[in-house]
Each structure stands twice: as C-alpha cells, then as structure tokens.
PDB file of N, CA and C in Angstrom:
ATOM      1  N   UNK A   1      12.201  12.609   2.400  1.00  0.00           N
ATOM      2  CA  UNK A   1      11.953  13.365   1.193  1.00  0.00           C
ATOM      3  C   UNK A   1      10.478  13.758   1.151  1.00  0.00           C
ATOM      4  N   UNK A   2      10.170  15.056   1.139  1.00  0.00           N
ATOM      5  CA  UNK A   2       8.768  15.477   1.123  1.00  0.00           C
ATOM      6  C   UNK A   2       8.126  15.201  -0.230  1.00  0.00           C
ATOM      7  N   UNK A   3       6.841  14.894  -0.179  1.00  0.00           N
ATOM      8  CA  UNK A   3       6.126  14.643  -1.430  1.00  0.00           C
ATOM      9  C   UNK A   3       5.722  15.964  -2.063  1.00  0.00           C
ATOM     10  N   UNK A   4       5.896  16.056  -3.359  1.00  0.00           N
ATOM     11  CA  UNK A   4       5.527  17.261  -4.086  1.00  0.00           C
ATOM     12  C   UNK A   4       4.078  17.109  -4.521  1.00  0.00           C
ATOM     13  N   UNK A   5       3.281  18.123  -4.204  1.00  0.00           N
ATOM     14  CA  UNK A   5       1.880  18.084  -4.616  1.00  0.00           C
ATOM     15  C   UNK A   5       1.791  18.315  -6.117  1.00  0.00           C
ATOM     16  N   UNK A   6       0.852  17.629  -6.759  1.00  0.00           N
ATOM     17  CA  UNK A   6       0.684  17.701  -8.207  1.00  0.00           C
ATOM     18  C   UNK A   6      -0.716  18.216  -8.513  1.00  0.00           C
ATOM     19  N   UNK A   7      -0.829  19.049  -9.537  1.00  0.00           N
ATOM     20  CA  UNK A   7      -2.115  19.621  -9.924  1.00  0.00           C
ATOM     21  C   UNK A   7      -3.009  18.560 -10.555  1.00  0.00           C
ATOM     22  N   UNK A   8      -4.265  18.568 -10.178  1.00  0.00           N
ATOM     23  CA  UNK A   8      -5.222  17.598 -10.695  1.00  0.00           C
ATOM     24  C   UNK A   8      -5.542  17.833 -12.173  1.00  0.00           C
ATOM     25  N   UNK A   9      -5.468  19.079 -12.623  1.00  0.00           N
ATOM     26  CA  UNK A   9      -5.870  19.423 -13.983  1.00  0.00           C
ATOM     27  C   UNK A   9      -4.737  19.293 -15.005  1.00  0.00           C
ATOM     28  N   UNK A  10      -3.557  19.841 -14.662  1.00  0.00           N
ATOM     29  CA  UNK A  10      -2.474  19.866 -15.653  1.00  0.00           C
ATOM     30  C   UNK A  10      -1.312  18.936 -15.299  1.00  0.00           C
ATOM     31  N   UNK A  11      -1.321  18.338 -14.114  1.00  0.00           N
ATOM     32  CA  UNK A  11      -0.291  17.413 -13.641  1.00  0.00           C
ATOM     33  C   UNK A  11       1.091  18.058 -13.520  1.00  0.00           C
ATOM     34  N   UNK A  12       1.151  19.374 -13.338  1.00  0.00           N
ATOM     35  CA  UNK A  12       2.406  20.043 -13.038  1.00  0.00           C
ATOM     36  C   UNK A  12       2.562  20.117 -11.525  1.00  0.00           C
ATOM     37  N   UNK A  13       3.796  20.296 -11.059  1.00  0.00           N
ATOM     38  CA  UNK A  13       4.072  20.369  -9.624  1.00  0.00           C
ATOM     39  C   UNK A  13       3.521  21.667  -9.037  1.00  0.00           C
ATOM     40  N   UNK A  14       3.402  21.694  -7.722  1.00  0.00           N
ATOM     41  CA  UNK A  14       2.810  22.855  -7.054  1.00  0.00           C
ATOM     42  C   UNK A  14       3.664  24.112  -7.232  1.00  0.00           C
ATOM     43  N   UNK A  15       5.004  23.950  -7.326  1.00  0.00           N
ATOM     44  CA  UNK A  15       5.856  25.124  -7.485  1.00  0.00           C
ATOM     45  C   UNK A  15       5.763  25.737  -8.875  1.00  0.00           C
ATOM     46  N   UNK A  16       5.073  25.095  -9.821  1.00  0.00           N
ATOM     47  CA  UNK A  16       4.868  25.667 -11.158  1.00  0.00           C
ATOM     48  C   UNK A  16       3.654  26.588 -11.186  1.00  0.00           C
ATOM     49  N   UNK A  17       2.964  26.723 -10.068  1.00  0.00           N
ATOM     50  CA  UNK A  17       1.778  27.571  -9.988  1.00  0.00           C
ATOM     51  C   UNK A  17       2.076  28.800  -9.144  1.00  0.00           C
ATOM     52  N   UNK A  18       1.817  29.961  -9.713  1.00  0.00           N
ATOM     53  CA  UNK A  18       1.986  31.224  -9.014  1.00  0.00           C
ATOM     54  C   UNK A  18       0.617  31.885  -8.945  1.00  0.00           C
ATOM     55  N   UNK A  19       0.177  32.212  -7.738  1.00  0.00           N
ATOM     56  CA  UNK A  19      -1.153  32.794  -7.522  1.00  0.00           C
ATOM     57  C   UNK A  19      -2.242  31.933  -8.171  1.00  0.00           C
ATOM     58  N   UNK A  20      -2.148  30.607  -7.931  1.00  0.00           N
ATOM     59  CA  UNK A  20      -3.121  29.626  -8.436  1.00  0.00           C
ATOM     60  C   UNK A  20      -3.089  29.459  -9.954  1.00  0.00           C
ATOM     61  N   UNK A  21      -2.176  30.109 -10.671  1.00  0.00           N
ATOM     62  CA  UNK A  21      -2.117  30.029 -12.131  1.00  0.00           C
ATOM     63  C   UNK A  21      -0.832  29.333 -12.551  1.00  0.00           C
ATOM     64  N   UNK A  22      -0.938  28.373 -13.465  1.00  0.00           N
ATOM     65  CA  UNK A  22       0.221  27.601 -13.892  1.00  0.00           C
ATOM     66  C   UNK A  22       1.091  28.429 -14.834  1.00  0.00           C
ATOM     67  N   UNK A  23       2.383  28.456 -14.540  1.00  0.00           N
ATOM     68  CA  UNK A  23       3.326  29.218 -15.370  1.00  0.00           C
ATOM     69  C   UNK A  23       4.294  28.289 -16.093  1.00  0.00           C
ATOM     70  N   UNK A  24       4.025  26.991 -16.101  1.00  0.00           N
ATOM     71  CA  UNK A  24       4.913  26.038 -16.768  1.00  0.00           C
ATOM     72  C   UNK A  24       4.789  26.170 -18.282  1.00  0.00           C
ATOM     73  N   UNK A  25       5.930  26.012 -18.962  1.00  0.00           N
ATOM     74  CA  UNK A  25       5.963  26.089 -20.418  1.00  0.00           C
ATOM     75  C   UNK A  25       6.329  24.724 -20.982  1.00  0.00           C
ATOM     76  N   UNK A  26       5.705  24.363 -22.089  1.00  0.00           N
ATOM     77  CA  UNK A  26       6.069  23.138 -22.797  1.00  0.00           C
ATOM     78  C   UNK A  26       6.210  23.483 -24.269  1.00  0.00           C
ATOM     79  N   UNK A  27       6.197  22.500 -25.164  1.00  0.00           N
ATOM     80  CA  UNK A  27       6.406  22.768 -26.587  1.00  0.00           C
ATOM     81  C   UNK A  27       5.288  23.629 -27.192  1.00  0.00           C
ATOM     82  N   UNK A  28       4.068  23.516 -26.673  1.00  0.00           N
ATOM     83  CA  UNK A  28       2.947  24.281 -27.215  1.00  0.00           C
ATOM     84  C   UNK A  28       2.841  25.677 -26.619  1.00  0.00           C
ATOM     85  N   UNK A  29       3.650  26.023 -25.665  1.00  0.00           N
ATOM     86  CA  UNK A  29       3.579  27.337 -25.014  1.00  0.00           C
ATOM     87  C   UNK A  29       3.240  27.160 -23.548  1.00  0.00           C
ATOM     88  N   UNK A  30       2.430  28.068 -23.027  1.00  0.00           N
ATOM     89  CA  UNK A  30       2.067  27.979 -21.613  1.00  0.00           C
ATOM     90  C   UNK A  30       1.005  26.906 -21.413  1.00  0.00           C
ATOM     91  N   UNK A  31       0.883  26.483 -20.185  1.00  0.00           N
ATOM     92  CA  UNK A  31      -0.016  25.384 -19.851  1.00  0.00           C
ATOM     93  C   UNK A  31      -1.479  25.797 -19.996  1.00  0.00           C
ATOM     94  N   UNK A  32      -1.857  26.933 -19.407  1.00  0.00           N
ATOM     95  CA  UNK A  32      -3.232  27.392 -19.504  1.00  0.00           C
ATOM     96  C   UNK A  32      -4.085  27.030 -18.301  1.00  0.00           C
ATOM     97  N   UNK A  33      -3.559  26.267 -17.365  1.00  0.00           N
ATOM     98  CA  UNK A  33      -4.308  25.896 -16.166  1.00  0.00           C
ATOM     99  C   UNK A  33      -4.443  27.130 -15.280  1.00  0.00           C
ATOM    100  N   UNK A  34      -5.651  27.442 -14.838  1.00  0.00           N
ATOM    101  CA  UNK A  34      -5.863  28.658 -14.045  1.00  0.00           C
ATOM    102  C   UNK A  34      -6.222  28.368 -12.591  1.00  0.00           C
ATOM    103  N   UNK A  35      -6.279  27.102 -12.210  1.00  0.00           N
ATOM    104  CA  UNK A  35      -6.633  26.781 -10.828  1.00  0.00           C
ATOM    105  C   UNK A  35      -5.837  25.567 -10.355  1.00  0.00           C
ATOM    106  N   UNK A  36      -5.176  25.691  -9.218  1.00  0.00           N
ATOM    107  CA  UNK A  36      -4.382  24.595  -8.673  1.00  0.00           C
ATOM    108  C   UNK A  36      -5.217  23.817  -7.666  1.00  0.00           C
ATOM    109  N   UNK A  37      -5.399  22.523  -7.941  1.00  0.00           N
ATOM    110  CA  UNK A  37      -6.031  21.618  -6.997  1.00  0.00           C
ATOM    111  C   UNK A  37      -5.133  20.391  -6.892  1.00  0.00           C
ATOM    112  N   UNK A  38      -4.883  19.944  -5.668  1.00  0.00           N
ATOM    113  CA  UNK A  38      -3.987  18.811  -5.500  1.00  0.00           C
ATOM    114  C   UNK A  38      -4.656  17.522  -5.975  1.00  0.00           C
ATOM    115  N   UNK A  39      -3.836  16.661  -6.530  1.00  0.00           N
ATOM    116  CA  UNK A  39      -4.282  15.348  -6.986  1.00  0.00           C
ATOM    117  C   UNK A  39      -4.278  14.416  -5.791  1.00  0.00           C
ATOM    118  N   UNK A  40      -5.410  13.807  -5.500  1.00  0.00           N
ATOM    119  CA  UNK A  40      -5.508  12.897  -4.366  1.00  0.00           C
ATOM    120  C   UNK A  40      -5.057  11.517  -4.830  1.00  0.00           C
ATOM    121  N   UNK A  41      -3.894  11.091  -4.352  1.00  0.00           N
ATOM    122  CA  UNK A  41      -3.359   9.787  -4.746  1.00  0.00           C
ATOM    123  C   UNK A  41      -3.624   8.764  -3.662  1.00  0.00           C
ATOM    124  N   UNK A  42      -4.104   7.617  -4.069  1.00  0.00           N
ATOM    125  CA  UNK A  42      -4.320   6.522  -3.140  1.00  0.00           C
ATOM    126  C   UNK A  42      -3.091   5.614  -3.176  1.00  0.00           C
ATOM    127  N   UNK A  43      -2.729   5.043  -2.051  1.00  0.00           N
ATOM    128  CA  UNK A  43      -1.597   4.123  -2.071  1.00  0.00           C
ATOM    129  C   UNK A  43      -1.927   2.893  -2.913  1.00  0.00           C
ATOM    130  N   UNK A  44      -0.957   2.422  -3.646  1.00  0.00           N
ATOM    131  CA  UNK A  44      -1.185   1.285  -4.544  1.00  0.00           C
ATOM    132  C   UNK A  44      -1.024  -0.015  -3.774  1.00  0.00           C
ATOM    133  N   UNK A  45      -2.073  -0.376  -3.065  1.00  0.00           N
ATOM    134  CA  UNK A  45      -2.043  -1.593  -2.290  1.00  0.00           C
ATOM    135  C   UNK A  45      -3.008  -2.594  -2.891  1.00  0.00           C
ATOM    136  N   UNK A  46      -2.700  -3.854  -2.697  1.00  0.00           N
ATOM    137  CA  UNK A  46      -3.588  -4.904  -3.164  1.00  0.00           C
ATOM    138  C   UNK A  46      -3.893  -5.829  -2.006  1.00  0.00           C
ATOM    139  N   UNK A  47      -4.842  -6.717  -2.205  1.00  0.00           N
ATOM    140  CA  UNK A  47      -5.252  -7.634  -1.160  1.00  0.00           C
ATOM    141  C   UNK A  47      -4.472  -8.934  -1.284  1.00  0.00           C
ATOM    142  N   UNK A  48      -4.036  -9.454  -0.149  1.00  0.00           N
ATOM    143  CA  UNK A  48      -3.299 -10.710  -0.084  1.00  0.00           C
ATOM    144  C   UNK A  48      -3.998 -11.619   0.909  1.00  0.00           C
ATOM    145  N   UNK A  49      -4.030 -12.916   0.613  1.00  0.00           N
ATOM    146  CA  UNK A  49      -4.468 -13.907   1.583  1.00  0.00           C
ATOM    147  C   UNK A  49      -3.200 -14.597   2.062  1.00  0.00           C
ATOM    148  N   UNK A  50      -2.934 -14.452   3.357  1.00  0.00           N
ATOM    149  CA  UNK A  50      -1.686 -14.947   3.930  1.00  0.00           C
ATOM    150  C   UNK A  50      -2.007 -16.007   4.968  1.00  0.00           C
ATOM    151  N   UNK A  51      -1.367 -17.171   4.837  1.00  0.00           N
ATOM    152  CA  UNK A  51      -1.493 -18.246   5.825  1.00  0.00           C
ATOM    153  C   UNK A  51      -0.233 -18.258   6.679  1.00  0.00           C
ATOM    154  N   UNK A  52      -0.434 -18.224   8.000  1.00  0.00           N
ATOM    155  CA  UNK A  52       0.688 -18.182   8.932  1.00  0.00           C
ATOM    156  C   UNK A  52       0.538 -19.326   9.926  1.00  0.00           C
ATOM    157  N   UNK A  53       1.622 -20.047  10.169  1.00  0.00           N
ATOM    158  CA  UNK A  53       1.623 -21.044  11.241  1.00  0.00           C
ATOM    159  C   UNK A  53       2.958 -20.949  11.968  1.00  0.00           C
ATOM    160  N   UNK A  54       2.926 -21.295  13.254  1.00  0.00           N
ATOM    161  CA  UNK A  54       4.102 -21.185  14.107  1.00  0.00           C
ATOM    162  C   UNK A  54       4.532 -22.565  14.574  1.00  0.00           C
ATOM    163  N   UNK A  55       5.831 -22.744  14.793  1.00  0.00           N
ATOM    164  CA  UNK A  55       6.356 -23.989  15.351  1.00  0.00           C
ATOM    165  C   UNK A  55       6.823 -23.699  16.767  1.00  0.00           C
ATOM    166  N   UNK A  56       6.091 -24.252  17.735  1.00  0.00           N
ATOM    167  CA  UNK A  56       6.487 -24.099  19.143  1.00  0.00           C
ATOM    168  C   UNK A  56       7.207 -25.382  19.555  1.00  0.00           C
ATOM    169  N   UNK A  57       6.461 -26.431  19.884  1.00  0.00           N
ATOM    170  CA  UNK A  57       7.047 -27.765  19.992  1.00  0.00           C
ATOM    171  C   UNK A  57       6.393 -28.673  18.956  1.00  0.00           C
ATOM    172  N   UNK A  58       5.416 -28.104  18.255  1.00  0.00           N
ATOM    173  CA  UNK A  58       4.749 -28.728  17.103  1.00  0.00           C
ATOM    174  C   UNK A  58       4.174 -27.587  16.259  1.00  0.00           C
ATOM    175  N   UNK A  59       3.797 -27.896  15.014  1.00  0.00           N
ATOM    176  CA  UNK A  59       3.226 -26.860  14.151  1.00  0.00           C
ATOM    177  C   UNK A  59       1.795 -26.573  14.575  1.00  0.00           C
ATOM    178  N   UNK A  60       1.474 -25.287  14.743  1.00  0.00           N
ATOM    179  CA  UNK A  60       0.109 -24.884  15.061  1.00  0.00           C
ATOM    180  C   UNK A  60      -0.708 -24.875  13.773  1.00  0.00           C
ATOM    181  N   UNK A  61      -2.038 -24.948  13.849  1.00  0.00           N
ATOM    182  CA  UNK A  61      -2.852 -24.881  12.628  1.00  0.00           C
ATOM    183  C   UNK A  61      -2.668 -23.537  11.916  1.00  0.00           C
ATOM    184  N   UNK A  62      -2.785 -23.577  10.587  1.00  0.00           N
ATOM    185  CA  UNK A  62      -2.631 -22.353   9.797  1.00  0.00           C
ATOM    186  C   UNK A  62      -3.732 -21.352  10.143  1.00  0.00           C
ATOM    187  N   UNK A  63      -3.332 -20.082  10.178  1.00  0.00           N
ATOM    188  CA  UNK A  63      -4.275 -18.981  10.364  1.00  0.00           C
ATOM    189  C   UNK A  63      -4.290 -18.210   9.050  1.00  0.00           C
ATOM    190  N   UNK A  64      -5.455 -18.132   8.381  1.00  0.00           N
ATOM    191  CA  UNK A  64      -5.570 -17.387   7.126  1.00  0.00           C
ATOM    192  C   UNK A  64      -6.065 -15.979   7.418  1.00  0.00           C
ATOM    193  N   UNK A  65      -5.346 -14.996   6.877  1.00  0.00           N
ATOM    194  CA  UNK A  65      -5.678 -13.597   7.105  1.00  0.00           C
ATOM    195  C   UNK A  65      -5.776 -12.872   5.774  1.00  0.00           C
ATOM    196  N   UNK A  66      -6.696 -11.922   5.691  1.00  0.00           N
ATOM    197  CA  UNK A  66      -6.842 -11.080   4.508  1.00  0.00           C
ATOM    198  C   UNK A  66      -6.147  -9.758   4.826  1.00  0.00           C
ATOM    199  N   UNK A  67      -5.101  -9.425   4.051  1.00  0.00           N
ATOM    200  CA  UNK A  67      -4.223  -8.296   4.361  1.00  0.00           C
ATOM    201  C   UNK A  67      -4.160  -7.341   3.168  1.00  0.00           C
ATOM    202  N   UNK A  68      -4.132  -6.023   3.441  1.00  0.00           N
ATOM    203  CA  UNK A  68      -3.912  -5.003   2.415  1.00  0.00           C
ATOM    204  C   UNK A  68      -2.446  -4.577   2.485  1.00  0.00           C
ATOM    205  N   UNK A  69      -1.686  -4.802   1.409  1.00  0.00           N
ATOM    206  CA  UNK A  69      -0.276  -4.403   1.350  1.00  0.00           C
ATOM    207  C   UNK A  69       0.130  -4.254  -0.111  1.00  0.00           C
ATOM    208  N   UNK A  70       1.242  -3.558  -0.334  1.00  0.00           N
ATOM    209  CA  UNK A  70       1.677  -3.343  -1.711  1.00  0.00           C
ATOM    210  C   UNK A  70       2.579  -4.463  -2.220  1.00  0.00           C
ATOM    211  N   UNK A  71       3.349  -5.110  -1.334  1.00  0.00           N
ATOM    212  CA  UNK A  71       4.254  -6.181  -1.761  1.00  0.00           C
ATOM    213  C   UNK A  71       4.007  -7.434  -0.925  1.00  0.00           C
ATOM    214  N   UNK A  72       4.550  -8.543  -1.384  1.00  0.00           N
ATOM    215  CA  UNK A  72       4.387  -9.792  -0.649  1.00  0.00           C
ATOM    216  C   UNK A  72       5.117  -9.744   0.691  1.00  0.00           C
ATOM    217  N   UNK A  73       6.256  -9.057   0.730  1.00  0.00           N
ATOM    218  CA  UNK A  73       6.994  -8.916   1.984  1.00  0.00           C
ATOM    219  C   UNK A  73       6.219  -8.115   3.014  1.00  0.00           C
ATOM    220  N   UNK A  74       5.592  -7.032   2.563  1.00  0.00           N
ATOM    221  CA  UNK A  74       4.770  -6.227   3.465  1.00  0.00           C
ATOM    222  C   UNK A  74       3.569  -6.999   3.972  1.00  0.00           C
ATOM    223  N   UNK A  75       2.964  -7.805   3.087  1.00  0.00           N
ATOM    224  CA  UNK A  75       1.820  -8.626   3.486  1.00  0.00           C
ATOM    225  C   UNK A  75       2.247  -9.665   4.515  1.00  0.00           C
ATOM    226  N   UNK A  76       3.411 -10.285   4.313  1.00  0.00           N
ATOM    227  CA  UNK A  76       3.912 -11.278   5.267  1.00  0.00           C
ATOM    228  C   UNK A  76       4.194 -10.634   6.619  1.00  0.00           C
ATOM    229  N   UNK A  77       4.795  -9.459   6.607  1.00  0.00           N
ATOM    230  CA  UNK A  77       5.110  -8.756   7.841  1.00  0.00           C
ATOM    231  C   UNK A  77       3.850  -8.417   8.628  1.00  0.00           C
ATOM    232  N   UNK A  78       2.856  -7.854   7.937  1.00  0.00           N
ATOM    233  CA  UNK A  78       1.603  -7.490   8.608  1.00  0.00           C
ATOM    234  C   UNK A  78       0.876  -8.727   9.133  1.00  0.00           C
ATOM    235  N   UNK A  79       0.883  -9.804   8.354  1.00  0.00           N
ATOM    236  CA  UNK A  79       0.176 -11.020   8.753  1.00  0.00           C
ATOM    237  C   UNK A  79       0.823 -11.669   9.970  1.00  0.00           C
ATOM    238  N   UNK A  80       2.161 -11.703  10.011  1.00  0.00           N
ATOM    239  CA  UNK A  80       2.848 -12.301  11.158  1.00  0.00           C
ATOM    240  C   UNK A  80       2.556 -11.491  12.415  1.00  0.00           C
ATOM    241  N   UNK A  81       2.583 -10.178  12.307  1.00  0.00           N
ATOM    242  CA  UNK A  81       2.283  -9.335  13.468  1.00  0.00           C
ATOM    243  C   UNK A  81       0.854  -9.557  13.970  1.00  0.00           C
ATOM    244  N   UNK A  82      -0.098  -9.600  13.029  1.00  0.00           N
ATOM    245  CA  UNK A  82      -1.490  -9.790  13.424  1.00  0.00           C
ATOM    246  C   UNK A  82      -1.724 -11.177  14.018  1.00  0.00           C
ATOM    247  N   UNK A  83      -1.153 -12.205  13.401  1.00  0.00           N
ATOM    248  CA  UNK A  83      -1.319 -13.566  13.915  1.00  0.00           C
ATOM    249  C   UNK A  83      -0.646 -13.718  15.277  1.00  0.00           C
ATOM    250  N   UNK A  84       0.462 -13.040  15.476  1.00  0.00           N
ATOM    251  CA  UNK A  84       1.156 -13.090  16.752  1.00  0.00           C
ATOM    252  C   UNK A  84       0.313 -12.447  17.851  1.00  0.00           C
ATOM    253  N   UNK A  85      -0.392 -11.354  17.536  1.00  0.00           N
ATOM    254  CA  UNK A  85      -1.271 -10.704  18.502  1.00  0.00           C
ATOM    255  C   UNK A  85      -2.463 -11.577  18.864  1.00  0.00           C
ATOM    256  N   UNK A  86      -2.958 -12.357  17.890  1.00  0.00           N
ATOM    257  CA  UNK A  86      -4.150 -13.171  18.105  1.00  0.00           C
ATOM    258  C   UNK A  86      -3.847 -14.533  18.729  1.00  0.00           C
ATOM    259  N   UNK A  87      -2.567 -14.850  18.914  1.00  0.00           N
ATOM    260  CA  UNK A  87      -2.190 -16.143  19.482  1.00  0.00           C
ATOM    261  C   UNK A  87      -2.631 -16.258  20.926  1.00  0.00           C
ATOM    262  N   UNK A  88      -3.049 -17.469  21.335  1.00  0.00           N
ATOM    263  CA  UNK A  88      -3.409 -17.697  22.733  1.00  0.00           C
ATOM    264  C   UNK A  88      -2.233 -18.275  23.507  1.00  0.00           C
ATOM    265  N   UNK A  89      -1.412 -19.071  22.852  1.00  0.00           N
ATOM    266  CA  UNK A  89      -0.245 -19.672  23.496  1.00  0.00           C
ATOM    267  C   UNK A  89       0.869 -18.634  23.593  1.00  0.00           C
ATOM    268  N   UNK A  90       1.596 -18.658  24.701  1.00  0.00           N
ATOM    269  CA  UNK A  90       2.716 -17.729  24.882  1.00  0.00           C
ATOM    270  C   UNK A  90       4.063 -18.443  24.876  1.00  0.00           C
ATOM    271  N   UNK A  91       4.091 -19.628  24.278  1.00  0.00           N
ATOM    272  CA  UNK A  91       5.359 -20.353  24.173  1.00  0.00           C
ATOM    273  C   UNK A  91       6.295 -19.645  23.200  1.00  0.00           C
ATOM    274  N   UNK A  92       7.557 -19.961  23.314  1.00  0.00           N
ATOM    275  CA  UNK A  92       8.578 -19.382  22.438  1.00  0.00           C
ATOM    276  C   UNK A  92       8.415 -19.944  21.020  1.00  0.00           C
ATOM    277  N   UNK A  93       8.410 -19.086  20.032  1.00  0.00           N
ATOM    278  CA  UNK A  93       8.259 -19.494  18.634  1.00  0.00           C
ATOM    279  C   UNK A  93       9.636 -19.832  18.072  1.00  0.00           C
ATOM    280  N   UNK A  94       9.769 -21.044  17.531  1.00  0.00           N
ATOM    281  CA  UNK A  94      11.039 -21.466  16.957  1.00  0.00           C
ATOM    282  C   UNK A  94      11.111 -21.184  15.461  1.00  0.00           C
ATOM    283  N   UNK A  95       9.979 -21.367  14.750  1.00  0.00           N
ATOM    284  CA  UNK A  95       9.931 -21.120  13.313  1.00  0.00           C
ATOM    285  C   UNK A  95       8.578 -20.547  12.939  1.00  0.00           C
ATOM    286  N   UNK A  96       8.550 -19.900  11.774  1.00  0.00           N
ATOM    287  CA  UNK A  96       7.298 -19.376  11.223  1.00  0.00           C
ATOM    288  C   UNK A  96       7.178 -19.860   9.791  1.00  0.00           C
ATOM    289  N   UNK A  97       5.955 -20.244   9.394  1.00  0.00           N
ATOM    290  CA  UNK A  97       5.713 -20.654   8.015  1.00  0.00           C
ATOM    291  C   UNK A  97       4.678 -19.694   7.440  1.00  0.00           C
ATOM    292  N   UNK A  98       5.028 -19.045   6.319  1.00  0.00           N
ATOM    293  CA  UNK A  98       4.182 -18.010   5.735  1.00  0.00           C
ATOM    294  C   UNK A  98       3.965 -18.322   4.267  1.00  0.00           C
ATOM    295  N   UNK A  99       2.692 -18.284   3.838  1.00  0.00           N
ATOM    296  CA  UNK A  99       2.342 -18.444   2.427  1.00  0.00           C
ATOM    297  C   UNK A  99       1.459 -17.267   2.044  1.00  0.00           C
ATOM    298  N   UNK A 100       1.930 -16.436   1.102  1.00  0.00           N
ATOM    299  CA  UNK A 100       1.178 -15.263   0.668  1.00  0.00           C
ATOM    300  C   UNK A 100       0.671 -15.466  -0.746  1.00  0.00           C
ATOM    301  N   UNK A 101      -0.639 -15.302  -0.943  1.00  0.00           N
ATOM    302  CA  UNK A 101      -1.267 -15.470  -2.251  1.00  0.00           C
ATOM    303  C   UNK A 101      -1.962 -14.160  -2.619  1.00  0.00           C
ATOM    304  N   UNK A 102      -1.611 -13.542  -3.758  1.00  0.00           N
ATOM    305  CA  UNK A 102      -2.289 -12.301  -4.144  1.00  0.00           C
ATOM    306  C   UNK A 102      -3.701 -12.594  -4.653  1.00  0.00           C
ATOM    307  N   UNK A 103      -4.636 -11.743  -4.267  1.00  0.00           N
ATOM    308  CA  UNK A 103      -6.009 -11.857  -4.753  1.00  0.00           C
ATOM    309  C   UNK A 103      -6.077 -11.073  -6.065  1.00  0.00           C
ATOM    310  N   UNK A 104      -6.648 -11.651  -7.132  1.00  0.00           N
ATOM    311  CA  UNK A 104      -6.756 -10.913  -8.394  1.00  0.00           C
ATOM    312  C   UNK A 104      -7.513  -9.604  -8.191  1.00  0.00           C
ATOM    313  N   UNK A 105      -7.115  -8.576  -8.920  1.00  0.00           N
ATOM    314  CA  UNK A 105      -7.690  -7.239  -8.729  1.00  0.00           C
ATOM    315  C   UNK A 105      -9.194  -7.207  -8.971  1.00  0.00           C
ATOM    316  N   UNK A 106      -9.706  -7.999  -9.898  1.00  0.00           N
ATOM    317  CA  UNK A 106     -11.152  -7.996 -10.156  1.00  0.00           C
ATOM    318  C   UNK A 106     -11.907  -8.614  -8.987  1.00  0.00           C
ATOM    319  N   UNK A 107     -11.329  -9.626  -8.332  1.00  0.00           N
ATOM    320  CA  UNK A 107     -11.985 -10.266  -7.194  1.00  0.00           C
ATOM    321  C   UNK A 107     -11.859  -9.434  -5.934  1.00  0.00           C
ATOM    322  N   UNK A 108     -10.813  -8.597  -5.848  1.00  0.00           N
ATOM    323  CA  UNK A 108     -10.604  -7.784  -4.658  1.00  0.00           C
ATOM    324  C   UNK A 108     -11.639  -6.676  -4.556  1.00  0.00           C
ATOM    325  N   UNK A 109     -12.104  -6.156  -5.689  1.00  0.00           N
ATOM    326  CA  UNK A 109     -13.079  -5.071  -5.666  1.00  0.00           C
ATOM    327  C   UNK A 109     -14.502  -5.573  -5.496  1.00  0.00           C
ATOM    328  N   UNK A 110     -14.746  -6.838  -5.827  1.00  0.00           N
ATOM    329  CA  UNK A 110     -16.114  -7.357  -5.754  1.00  0.00           C
ATOM    330  C   UNK A 110     -16.521  -7.722  -4.355  1.00  0.00           C
TER     331      UNK A 110
END
C-alpha cells in the first residue's frame, strides 16, 4: 500500500491539491492553502535496552544492547540478530533468553 503524501500546512492529502493549490472543502468552505509541501514524518521508534543470552551447553553471559525499535518484539528481533553477529562461539544455540526494557522518552533524548 503506497503512502499518501500529506500537506505540511493544511494536512490534506496530495490529491486534494491541483496546481499546488488546495481544492478541499470543509464546513467553513475552501481550505485556502496555496502551496503544497509534504509533511516529513519520522518513524515512531523508541529506545530499548535489551539483554540477550544464549544456551549452548551452558548459559552465556548477558549481552546488553541499546536498540531503536517501535515495539518490544521488534527490539527483541533486532537485538537477537545483533548479538548473534557479535558472538565468538559457533556452537549450536539451544535456547535464547531475552529481556527488553523500554527507556523513558525523557531519558532517551538526553
């Protein structure tokens, strides 16, 4: 499904603009926006601290990783992949232990 571009000024879709002028109507009449500029949306991701350990023939020490993801499942997936790449042992992994902790939004920006 393609994403529809949205105007930064009036928040109408791109197809509501003809020759850069908004032709959308609402209860007050026409919109009045005379210039179409796309709204730059950032993905809504947050920071997670994820601890990953593997069970080969014993539990390996936990590896703590700082991950950017939108959900806990996505953070776990990214952390397991990264920890797997950084592993030195090439033994077969029997189990994985994952603990994902969200970082508060105020602490993530600081």
